[in-house]
C-alpha atoms as a PDB file:
ATOM      1  CA  MET A   1      38.338 -20.550  98.263  1.00  0.00           C
ATOM      2  CA  ARG A   2      40.224 -22.603 100.754  1.00  0.00           C
ATOM      3  CA  GLU A   3      42.592 -19.801 101.237  1.00  0.00           C
ATOM      4  CA  LEU A   4      39.615 -17.044 102.415  1.00  0.00           C
ATOM      5  CA  THR A   5      38.259 -20.458 105.039  1.00  0.00           C
ATOM      6  CA  ILE A   6      41.584 -20.130 106.786  1.00  0.00           C
ATOM      7  CA  VAL A   7      41.380 -16.738 107.090  1.00  0.00           C
ATOM      8  CA  LYS A   8      38.149 -16.276 108.190  1.00  0.00           C
ATOM      9  CA  ASN A   9      39.419 -19.159 111.007  1.00  0.00           C
ATOM     10  CA  ASN A  10      42.550 -17.593 111.731  1.00  0.00           C
ATOM     11  CA  ARG A  11      40.220 -14.138 112.248  1.00  0.00           C
ATOM     12  CA  SER A  12      37.421 -15.670 113.951  1.00  0.00           C
ATOM     13  CA  LYS A  13      39.954 -17.237 116.573  1.00  0.00           C
ATOM     14  CA  MET A  14      41.511 -13.703 116.704  1.00  0.00           C
ATOM     15  CA  ILE A  15      38.148 -12.023 117.830  1.00  0.00           C
ATOM     16  CA  SER A  16      37.859 -15.163 119.949  1.00  0.00           C
ATOM     17  CA  ASN A  17      41.115 -14.393 122.085  1.00  0.00           C
ATOM     18  CA  ILE A  18      40.429 -10.660 122.140  1.00  0.00           C
ATOM     19  CA  CYS A  19      37.318 -11.402 123.881  1.00  0.00           C
ATOM     20  CA  VAL A  20      38.254 -14.300 126.198  1.00  0.00           C
ATOM     21  CA  LYS A  21      41.010 -11.971 127.396  1.00  0.00           C
ATOM     22  CA  ASN A  22      38.404  -8.564 127.912  1.00  0.00           C
ATOM     23  CA  ASN A  23      36.379 -10.892 129.899  1.00  0.00           C
ATOM     24  CA  ASP A  24      39.591 -11.888 131.890  1.00  0.00           C
ATOM     25  CA  GLU A  25      40.499  -8.589 132.350  1.00  0.00           C
ATOM     26  CA  GLY A  26      36.451  -8.119 133.334  1.00  0.00           C
ATOM     27  CA  VAL A  27      37.092 -10.499 136.381  1.00  0.00           C
ATOM     28  CA  GLY A  28      40.089  -9.842 137.096  1.00  0.00           C
ATOM     29  CA  LEU A  29      38.584  -5.911 138.088  1.00  0.00           C
ATOM     30  CA  VAL A  30      35.428  -6.575 139.636  1.00  0.00           C
ATOM     31  CA  ASN A  31      37.128  -9.231 142.099  1.00  0.00           C
ATOM     32  CA  GLY A  32      39.800  -6.807 142.726  1.00  0.00           C
ATOM     33  CA  TYR A  33      37.282  -4.452 143.309  1.00  0.00           C
ATOM     34  CA  ILE A  34      35.184  -6.685 145.675  1.00  0.00           C
ATOM     35  CA  ALA A  35      38.507  -8.320 147.277  1.00  0.00           C
ATOM     36  CA  SER A  36      39.694  -4.634 148.017  1.00  0.00           C
ATOM     37  CA  ILE A  37      36.490  -3.365 149.454  1.00  0.00           C
ATOM     38  CA  LEU A  38      36.109  -6.696 151.812  1.00  0.00           C
ATOM     39  CA  ALA A  39      40.278  -6.053 153.002  1.00  0.00           C
ATOM     40  CA  GLY A  40      39.102  -2.057 153.719  1.00  0.00           C
ATOM     41  CA  ALA A  41      36.136  -3.124 155.691  1.00  0.00           C
ATOM     42  CA  CYS A  42      38.096  -5.133 157.773  1.00  0.00           C
ATOM     43  CA  THR A  43      39.202  -2.360 159.311  1.00  0.00           C
ATOM     44  CA  GLY A  44      35.834  -1.704 161.028  1.00  0.00           C
ATOM     45  CA  ILE A  45      35.249  -5.926 161.626  1.00  0.00           C
ATOM     46  CA  GLY A  46      37.941  -4.957 163.657  1.00  0.00           C
ATOM     47  CA  ALA A  47      36.506  -2.954 166.358  1.00  0.00           C
ATOM     48  CA  LEU A  48      33.518  -4.588 166.345  1.00  0.00           C
ATOM     49  CA  PRO A  49      34.624  -6.990 169.762  1.00  0.00           C
ATOM     50  CA  LEU A  50      34.277  -3.430 171.169  1.00  0.00           C
ATOM     51  CA  ILE A  51      30.372  -3.602 171.456  1.00  0.00           C
ATOM     52  CA  PHE A  52      30.976  -6.131 174.032  1.00  0.00           C
ATOM     53  CA  VAL A  53      34.525  -4.904 175.540  1.00  0.00           C
ATOM     54  CA  LYS A  54      35.072  -1.632 177.058  1.00  0.00           C
ATOM     55  CA  ARG A  55      37.989  -1.255 176.821  1.00  0.00           C
ATOM     56  CA  ILE A  56      41.378  -3.345 175.870  1.00  0.00           C
ATOM     57  CA  THR A  57      44.739  -3.101 177.657  1.00  0.00           C
ATOM     58  CA  LYS A  58      47.835  -1.403 175.838  1.00  0.00           C
ATOM     59  CA  LYS A  59      49.892  -4.394 175.953  1.00  0.00           C
ATOM     60  CA  PHE A  60      47.202  -6.158 173.912  1.00  0.00           C
ATOM     61  CA  GLU A  61      47.089  -3.369 171.404  1.00  0.00           C
ATOM     62  CA  ASP A  62      50.834  -3.599 170.907  1.00  0.00           C
ATOM     63  CA  ILE A  63      50.861  -6.939 170.430  1.00  0.00           C
ATOM     64  CA  ILE A  64      48.328  -7.059 167.694  1.00  0.00           C
ATOM     65  CA  LEU A  65      50.387  -3.873 165.996  1.00  0.00           C
ATOM     66  CA  GLY A  66      53.208  -6.364 166.072  1.00  0.00           C
ATOM     67  CA  PHE A  67      51.040  -9.208 164.426  1.00  0.00           C
ATOM     68  CA  ALA A  68      50.121  -6.348 161.527  1.00  0.00           C
ATOM     69  CA  ALA A  69      53.602  -5.506 161.011  1.00  0.00           C
ATOM     70  CA  GLY A  70      54.730  -9.428 160.600  1.00  0.00           C
ATOM     71  CA  ILE A  71      51.875  -9.498 158.217  1.00  0.00           C
ATOM     72  CA  MET A  72      52.957  -6.621 156.336  1.00  0.00           C
ATOM     73  CA  LEU A  73      56.838  -7.454 156.203  1.00  0.00           C
ATOM     74  CA  PHE A  74      55.815 -11.283 154.377  1.00  0.00           C
ATOM     75  CA  ALA A  75      53.184 -10.092 152.673  1.00  0.00           C
ATOM     76  CA  ALA A  76      55.207  -7.526 151.200  1.00  0.00           C
ATOM     77  CA  SER A  77      58.257  -9.338 150.620  1.00  0.00           C
ATOM     78  CA  PHE A  78      56.711 -12.777 149.361  1.00  0.00           C
ATOM     79  CA  SER A  79      53.757 -11.551 147.062  1.00  0.00           C
ATOM     80  CA  LEU A  80      55.483  -8.165 145.550  1.00  0.00           C
ATOM     81  CA  VAL A  81      59.164  -8.171 146.056  1.00  0.00           C
ATOM     82  CA  LEU A  82      60.031 -11.988 145.427  1.00  0.00           C
ATOM     83  CA  PRO A  83      57.676 -11.720 141.917  1.00  0.00           C
ATOM     84  CA  ALA A  84      59.044  -8.503 141.553  1.00  0.00           C
ATOM     85  CA  LEU A  85      62.760  -9.982 141.006  1.00  0.00           C
ATOM     86  CA  GLU A  86      61.530 -12.728 139.104  1.00  0.00           C
ATOM     87  CA  MET A  87      59.618 -10.555 136.096  1.00  0.00           C
ATOM     88  CA  GLY A  88      62.660  -7.816 135.706  1.00  0.00           C
ATOM     89  CA  GLY A  89      66.123  -6.518 137.330  1.00  0.00           C
ATOM     90  CA  ILE A  90      67.662  -5.415 140.699  1.00  0.00           C
ATOM     91  CA  LYS A  91      67.952  -1.798 139.441  1.00  0.00           C
ATOM     92  CA  GLN A  92      63.909  -1.563 139.068  1.00  0.00           C
ATOM     93  CA  VAL A  93      63.178  -3.328 141.883  1.00  0.00           C
ATOM     94  CA  ILE A  94      64.974  -1.294 144.453  1.00  0.00           C
ATOM     95  CA  ALA A  95      64.532   1.848 142.489  1.00  0.00           C
ATOM     96  CA  GLY A  96      60.670   0.767 142.977  1.00  0.00           C
ATOM     97  CA  LEU A  97      61.979   0.213 146.601  1.00  0.00           C
ATOM     98  CA  LEU A  98      62.937   3.930 146.744  1.00  0.00           C
ATOM     99  CA  SER A  99      59.874   5.167 145.257  1.00  0.00           C
ATOM    100  CA  GLY A 100      57.031   3.571 147.050  1.00  0.00           C
ATOM    101  CA  ALA A 101      58.910   4.719 150.692  1.00  0.00           C
ATOM    102  CA  ILE A 102      59.400   8.730 149.155  1.00  0.00           C
ATOM    103  CA  VAL A 103      55.774   8.389 148.020  1.00  0.00           C
ATOM    104  CA  LEU A 104      54.449   7.440 151.074  1.00  0.00           C
ATOM    105  CA  ALA A 105      56.434  10.496 153.117  1.00  0.00           C
ATOM    106  CA  PHE A 106      55.708  12.816 150.769  1.00  0.00           C
ATOM    107  CA  ILE A 107      51.425  11.943 151.435  1.00  0.00           C
ATOM    108  CA  GLU A 108      52.323  12.011 155.162  1.00  0.00           C
ATOM    109  CA  LYS A 109      53.646  15.250 154.338  1.00  0.00           C
ATOM    110  CA  VAL A 110      50.615  17.401 152.625  1.00  0.00           C
ATOM    111  CA  THR A 111      48.028  14.947 155.135  1.00  0.00           C
ATOM    112  CA  PRO A 112      47.345  15.582 158.409  1.00  0.00           C
ATOM    113  CA  ASN A 113      50.266  14.087 160.448  1.00  0.00           C
ATOM    114  CA  ILE A 114      48.162  11.843 162.244  1.00  0.00           C
ATOM    115  CA  ASN A 115      49.497   8.054 162.338  1.00  0.00           C
ATOM    116  CA  ILE A 116      48.434   5.287 164.867  1.00  0.00           C
ATOM    117  CA  GLY A 117      50.562   6.254 167.760  1.00  0.00           C
ATOM    118  CA  GLN A 118      48.829   9.841 167.396  1.00  0.00           C
ATOM    119  CA  VAL A 119      45.178   8.446 167.309  1.00  0.00           C
ATOM    120  CA  ARG A 120      46.119   6.493 170.330  1.00  0.00           C
ATOM    121  CA  GLY A 121      47.650   9.406 172.233  1.00  0.00           C
ATOM    122  CA  THR A 122      44.832  12.520 170.857  1.00  0.00           C
ATOM    123  CA  ASP A 123      43.294  14.641 173.539  1.00  0.00           C
ATOM    124  CA  PHE A 124      39.620  13.575 172.724  1.00  0.00           C
ATOM    125  CA  ASN A 125      37.603  16.032 175.262  1.00  0.00           C
ATOM    126  CA  SER A 126      36.046  18.423 172.814  1.00  0.00           C
ATOM    127  CA  LYS A 127      34.207  15.574 171.139  1.00  0.00           C
ATOM    128  CA  THR A 128      34.756  17.920 168.034  1.00  0.00           C
ATOM    129  CA  LEU A 129      32.811  16.084 165.150  1.00  0.00           C
ATOM    130  CA  ARG A 130      35.255  17.615 162.715  1.00  0.00           C
ATOM    131  CA  LYS A 131      38.768  16.877 164.126  1.00  0.00           C
ATOM    132  CA  THR A 132      37.579  13.119 164.124  1.00  0.00           C
ATOM    133  CA  ILE A 133      36.020  12.890 160.805  1.00  0.00           C
ATOM    134  CA  MET A 134      39.897  14.035 159.530  1.00  0.00           C
ATOM    135  CA  MET A 135      42.153  11.582 162.276  1.00  0.00           C
ATOM    136  CA  THR A 136      40.109   9.066 160.424  1.00  0.00           C
ATOM    137  CA  ALA A 137      40.511  11.038 156.880  1.00  0.00           C
ATOM    138  CA  ALA A 138      44.073  10.774 157.460  1.00  0.00           C
ATOM    139  CA  ILE A 139      44.161   7.541 158.245  1.00  0.00           C
ATOM    140  CA  ALA A 140      42.422   5.962 155.034  1.00  0.00           C
ATOM    141  CA  ILE A 141      44.978   8.231 153.416  1.00  0.00           C
ATOM    142  CA  HIS A 142      47.591   6.111 155.155  1.00  0.00           C
ATOM    143  CA  ASN A 143      45.611   3.026 153.514  1.00  0.00           C
ATOM    144  CA  ILE A 144      46.529   3.983 150.060  1.00  0.00           C
ATOM    145  CA  PRO A 145      49.439   2.025 149.339  1.00  0.00           C
ATOM    146  CA  GLU A 146      47.919  -0.877 150.463  1.00  0.00           C
ATOM    147  CA  GLY A 147      44.805  -0.963 148.663  1.00  0.00           C
ATOM    148  CA  PHE A 148      46.929  -0.132 145.563  1.00  0.00           C
ATOM    149  CA  ALA A 149      48.936  -3.317 146.281  1.00  0.00           C
ATOM    150  CA  ILE A 150      46.019  -5.263 146.099  1.00  0.00           C
ATOM    151  CA  GLY A 151      45.269  -3.708 142.643  1.00  0.00           C
ATOM    152  CA  ILE A 152      48.545  -4.016 141.490  1.00  0.00           C
ATOM    153  CA  GLY A 153      48.516  -7.706 142.391  1.00  0.00           C
ATOM    154  CA  TYR A 154      45.110  -8.705 140.458  1.00  0.00           C
ATOM    155  CA  ALA A 155      46.482  -6.673 137.173  1.00  0.00           C
ATOM    156  CA  SER A 156      50.035  -8.356 137.632  1.00  0.00           C
ATOM    157  CA  GLY A 157      48.274 -11.899 136.104  1.00  0.00           C
ATOM    158  CA  LYS A 158      50.232 -14.233 138.708  1.00  0.00           C
ATOM    159  CA  ALA A 159      48.452 -16.681 140.074  1.00  0.00           C
ATOM    160  CA  ASN A 160      47.217 -15.944 143.613  1.00  0.00           C
ATOM    161  CA  MET A 161      49.136 -12.970 144.313  1.00  0.00           C
ATOM    162  CA  GLY A 162      46.389 -10.671 144.139  1.00  0.00           C
ATOM    163  CA  LEU A 163      44.173 -13.020 146.687  1.00  0.00           C
ATOM    164  CA  VAL A 164      47.143 -13.548 148.780  1.00  0.00           C
ATOM    165  CA  LEU A 165      47.453  -9.841 149.257  1.00  0.00           C
ATOM    166  CA  ALA A 166      44.104  -9.343 149.409  1.00  0.00           C
ATOM    167  CA  MET A 167      43.850 -11.654 152.925  1.00  0.00           C
ATOM    168  CA  ALA A 168      47.189 -10.125 154.243  1.00  0.00           C
ATOM    169  CA  ILE A 169      45.871  -6.843 153.997  1.00  0.00           C
ATOM    170  CA  GLY A 170      42.512  -7.836 155.471  1.00  0.00           C
ATOM    171  CA  ILE A 171      44.019  -9.740 158.495  1.00  0.00           C
ATOM    172  CA  GLN A 172      46.744  -6.684 159.500  1.00  0.00           C
ATOM    173  CA  ASN A 173      43.079  -3.984 159.116  1.00  0.00           C
ATOM    174  CA  VAL A 174      41.354  -6.380 161.894  1.00  0.00           C
ATOM    175  CA  PRO A 175      43.783  -5.291 164.834  1.00  0.00           C
ATOM    176  CA  GLU A 176      44.483  -1.134 163.198  1.00  0.00           C
ATOM    177  CA  GLY A 177      40.527  -1.270 163.434  1.00  0.00           C
ATOM    178  CA  LEU A 178      40.840  -2.271 166.980  1.00  0.00           C
ATOM    179  CA  VAL A 179      42.923   0.369 167.962  1.00  0.00           C
ATOM    180  CA  VAL A 180      41.675   3.129 166.105  1.00  0.00           C
ATOM    181  CA  ALA A 181      37.582   2.938 167.139  1.00  0.00           C
ATOM    182  CA  ALA A 182      39.090   2.083 171.314  1.00  0.00           C
ATOM    183  CA  PRO A 183      39.971   5.262 172.405  1.00  0.00           C
ATOM    184  CA  LEU A 184      37.213   7.017 170.556  1.00  0.00           C
ATOM    185  CA  ILE A 185      35.017   4.701 173.060  1.00  0.00           C
ATOM    186  CA  GLU A 186      37.605   5.647 176.123  1.00  0.00           C
ATOM    187  CA  LYS A 187      37.228   9.249 175.722  1.00  0.00           C
ATOM    188  CA  GLY A 188      32.966   8.733 175.308  1.00  0.00           C
ATOM    189  CA  TYR A 189      32.193   8.367 171.837  1.00  0.00           C
ATOM    190  CA  SER A 190      29.095   6.259 171.300  1.00  0.00           C
ATOM    191  CA  LYS A 191      30.663   2.173 170.343  1.00  0.00           C
ATOM    192  CA  PHE A 192      28.522   2.960 167.047  1.00  0.00           C
ATOM    193  CA  LYS A 193      30.238   6.203 166.191  1.00  0.00           C
ATOM    194  CA  ALA A 194      33.473   4.489 166.611  1.00  0.00           C
ATOM    195  CA  ILE A 195      32.735   1.869 164.581  1.00  0.00           C
ATOM    196  CA  ALA A 196      32.093   3.526 162.022  1.00  0.00           C
ATOM    197  CA  PHE A 197      34.841   6.000 161.917  1.00  0.00           C
ATOM    198  CA  ALA A 198      36.652   2.367 161.927  1.00  0.00           C
ATOM    199  CA  PHE A 199      34.850   1.267 158.576  1.00  0.00           C
ATOM    200  CA  PHE A 200      34.986   4.258 157.254  1.00  0.00           C
ATOM    201  CA  ALA A 201      39.372   4.524 157.339  1.00  0.00           C
ATOM    202  CA  GLY A 202      39.175   1.438 155.271  1.00  0.00           C
ATOM    203  CA  ILE A 203      37.607   3.209 152.574  1.00  0.00           C
ATOM    204  CA  GLY A 204      40.782   4.782 150.671  1.00  0.00           C
ATOM    205  CA  GLU A 205      41.810   0.809 149.920  1.00  0.00           C
ATOM    206  CA  PRO A 206      39.200  -0.434 147.295  1.00  0.00           C
ATOM    207  CA  ILE A 207      39.251   3.249 145.737  1.00  0.00           C
ATOM    208  CA  ALA A 208      43.610   2.404 145.607  1.00  0.00           C
ATOM    209  CA  ALA A 209      42.805  -0.495 144.533  1.00  0.00           C
ATOM    210  CA  THR A 210      40.811   0.199 141.441  1.00  0.00           C
ATOM    211  CA  VAL A 211      43.241   2.727 140.127  1.00  0.00           C
ATOM    212  CA  GLY A 212      46.591   0.225 140.343  1.00  0.00           C
ATOM    213  CA  ILE A 213      43.936  -2.628 138.838  1.00  0.00           C
ATOM    214  CA  LEU A 214      43.016   0.218 135.965  1.00  0.00           C
ATOM    215  CA  ALA A 215      46.845   1.476 135.865  1.00  0.00           C
ATOM    216  CA  GLY A 216      48.308  -2.679 136.168  1.00  0.00           C
ATOM    217  CA  ARG A 217      46.221  -2.698 132.336  1.00  0.00           C
ATOM    218  CA  PHE A 218      48.952   0.441 130.817  1.00  0.00           C
ATOM    219  CA  ILE A 219      51.767  -0.284 132.607  1.00  0.00           C
ATOM    220  CA  GLN A 220      52.488  -4.185 132.319  1.00  0.00           C
ATOM    221  CA  PRO A 221      56.212  -3.017 131.048  1.00  0.00           C
ATOM    222  CA  TYR A 222      56.479  -1.701 134.082  1.00  0.00           C
ATOM    223  CA  MET A 223      55.119  -3.989 136.219  1.00  0.00           C
ATOM    224  CA  THR A 224      58.553  -4.977 138.481  1.00  0.00           C
ATOM    225  CA  PHE A 225      59.374  -1.195 139.193  1.00  0.00           C
ATOM    226  CA  THR A 226      55.003  -0.976 140.178  1.00  0.00           C
ATOM    227  CA  LEU A 227      55.238  -3.972 142.475  1.00  0.00           C
ATOM    228  CA  ALA A 228      57.952  -3.085 144.075  1.00  0.00           C
ATOM    229  CA  MET A 229      56.718   0.243 144.418  1.00  0.00           C
ATOM    230  CA  ALA A 230      53.783  -0.939 146.345  1.00  0.00           C
ATOM    231  CA  ALA A 231      56.434  -3.108 148.804  1.00  0.00           C
ATOM    232  CA  GLY A 232      58.092  -0.227 150.003  1.00  0.00           C
ATOM    233  CA  ALA A 233      55.281   2.129 150.265  1.00  0.00           C
ATOM    234  CA  MET A 234      54.292  -0.971 152.445  1.00  0.00           C
ATOM    235  CA  TYR A 235      57.774  -1.208 154.182  1.00  0.00           C
ATOM    236  CA  TYR A 236      57.224   2.211 154.982  1.00  0.00           C
ATOM    237  CA  VAL A 237      54.605   1.670 157.278  1.00  0.00           C
ATOM    238  CA  VAL A 238      55.419  -1.197 159.324  1.00  0.00           C
ATOM    239  CA  SER A 239      59.040   0.632 159.564  1.00  0.00           C
ATOM    240  CA  HIS A 240      57.478   4.407 160.641  1.00  0.00           C
ATOM    241  CA  GLU A 241      54.760   3.813 162.269  1.00  0.00           C
ATOM    242  CA  LEU A 242      53.435   0.292 163.302  1.00  0.00           C
ATOM    243  CA  ILE A 243      57.022  -1.672 165.028  1.00  0.00           C
ATOM    244  CA  PRO A 244      58.155   2.136 166.791  1.00  0.00           C
ATOM    245  CA  GLU A 245      53.849   2.328 168.098  1.00  0.00           C
ATOM    246  CA  SER A 246      54.129  -1.410 169.395  1.00  0.00           C
ATOM    247  CA  HIS A 247      57.720  -0.546 171.202  1.00  0.00           C
ATOM    248  CA  CYS A 248      57.144   2.627 173.062  1.00  0.00           C
ATOM    249  CA  HIS A 249      54.707   1.402 176.040  1.00  0.00           C
ATOM    250  CA  GLY A 250      57.520  -1.559 177.375  1.00  0.00           C
ATOM    251  CA  ASN A 251      55.861  -4.308 175.867  1.00  0.00           C
ATOM    252  CA  GLN A 252      58.735  -4.590 173.083  1.00  0.00           C
ATOM    253  CA  LEU A 253      58.786  -8.772 174.034  1.00  0.00           C
ATOM    254  CA  GLY A 254      54.966  -9.122 173.653  1.00  0.00           C
ATOM    255  CA  ALA A 255      55.756  -6.818 170.227  1.00  0.00           C
ATOM    256  CA  THR A 256      58.707  -8.556 168.658  1.00  0.00           C
ATOM    257  CA  PHE A 257      56.679 -12.129 169.261  1.00  0.00           C
ATOM    258  CA  GLY A 258      53.459 -10.752 167.202  1.00  0.00           C
ATOM    259  CA  VAL A 259      55.738 -10.066 164.256  1.00  0.00           C
ATOM    260  CA  ILE A 260      56.732 -13.147 164.353  1.00  0.00           C
ATOM    261  CA  ILE A 261      53.583 -14.841 164.984  1.00  0.00           C
ATOM    262  CA  GLY A 262      52.252 -12.478 162.173  1.00  0.00           C
ATOM    263  CA  PHE A 263      54.650 -13.742 159.577  1.00  0.00           C
ATOM    264  CA  ILE A 264      54.377 -17.394 160.106  1.00  0.00           C
ATOM    265  CA  GLY A 265      50.774 -17.169 159.800  1.00  0.00           C
ATOM    266  CA  MET A 266      50.647 -15.201 156.193  1.00  0.00           C
ATOM    267  CA  LEU A 267      53.799 -17.781 155.939  1.00  0.00           C
ATOM    268  CA  LEU A 268      51.004 -20.751 156.440  1.00  0.00           C
ATOM    269  CA  ILE A 269      48.256 -19.148 154.488  1.00  0.00           C
ATOM    270  CA  GLU A 270      51.015 -18.807 151.911  1.00  0.00           C
ATOM    271  CA  TYR A 271      52.029 -22.534 152.390  1.00  0.00           C
ATOM    272  CA  LYS A 272      48.554 -23.914 151.798  1.00  0.00           C
ATOM    273  CA  LEU A 273      47.559 -21.454 148.439  1.00  0.00           C
ATOM    274  CA  LYS A 274      50.158 -23.025 146.149  1.00  0.00           C
ATOM    275  CA  GLY A 275      49.535 -26.757 147.603  1.00  0.00           C
ATOM    276  CA  PHE A 276      53.525 -27.269 148.681  1.00  0.00           C
END
């Protein structure tokens, strides 16, 4: 009788642990999805100042692009690469970094080749809605690795990783939204339409984050590789788009200090969250 009671108690504990685990996974899914929606929405929020200001200078655009690059560099390095190194070996991290960059390069190859620089320099005089939708969709596709990083961060189980990544990506989306919407308004689009397209550009992040969270439940043994892969994709965006674009209008010094300030800003956020 006593042995039967022990078996029943052990079974109850096992069921309880499974329920708690499933509940934690459900909460992680919801939190990650909400965080990714907010991060994606920051692209549109970044365009809101254009309601009050007709145009922004190229110098300011370059500085805030540098700021966004600094944030992404910190997030990729300290919220993805370092945890990946702690979880697994250097070979997996290197393979993940290379894979992330290669995958994003392939995505750019097979989708409309429109990056932030081309958005700023595009001739919108034709005002064709189709062209603008294609441009915004291309930017949304480029946001996929950022959303995936948020999802993987929440799926990893590491304390605050998902939150820090969501905050970092949300903050860097603000200047990106401003830079996307400003040329539309300058070329004659209404402020409402330009801001709407900026919001739409962030739609890829919650979709990719959901994929990252769900995938994380099945790829825990490969989490080291996956974290590094997300970091590699983010490094690609910084090196291939943000930094080159911020340096092509003669504002290299301002853009460089923007990178440093963005990096320091995320360092302070991480410092506060971890309570050093």
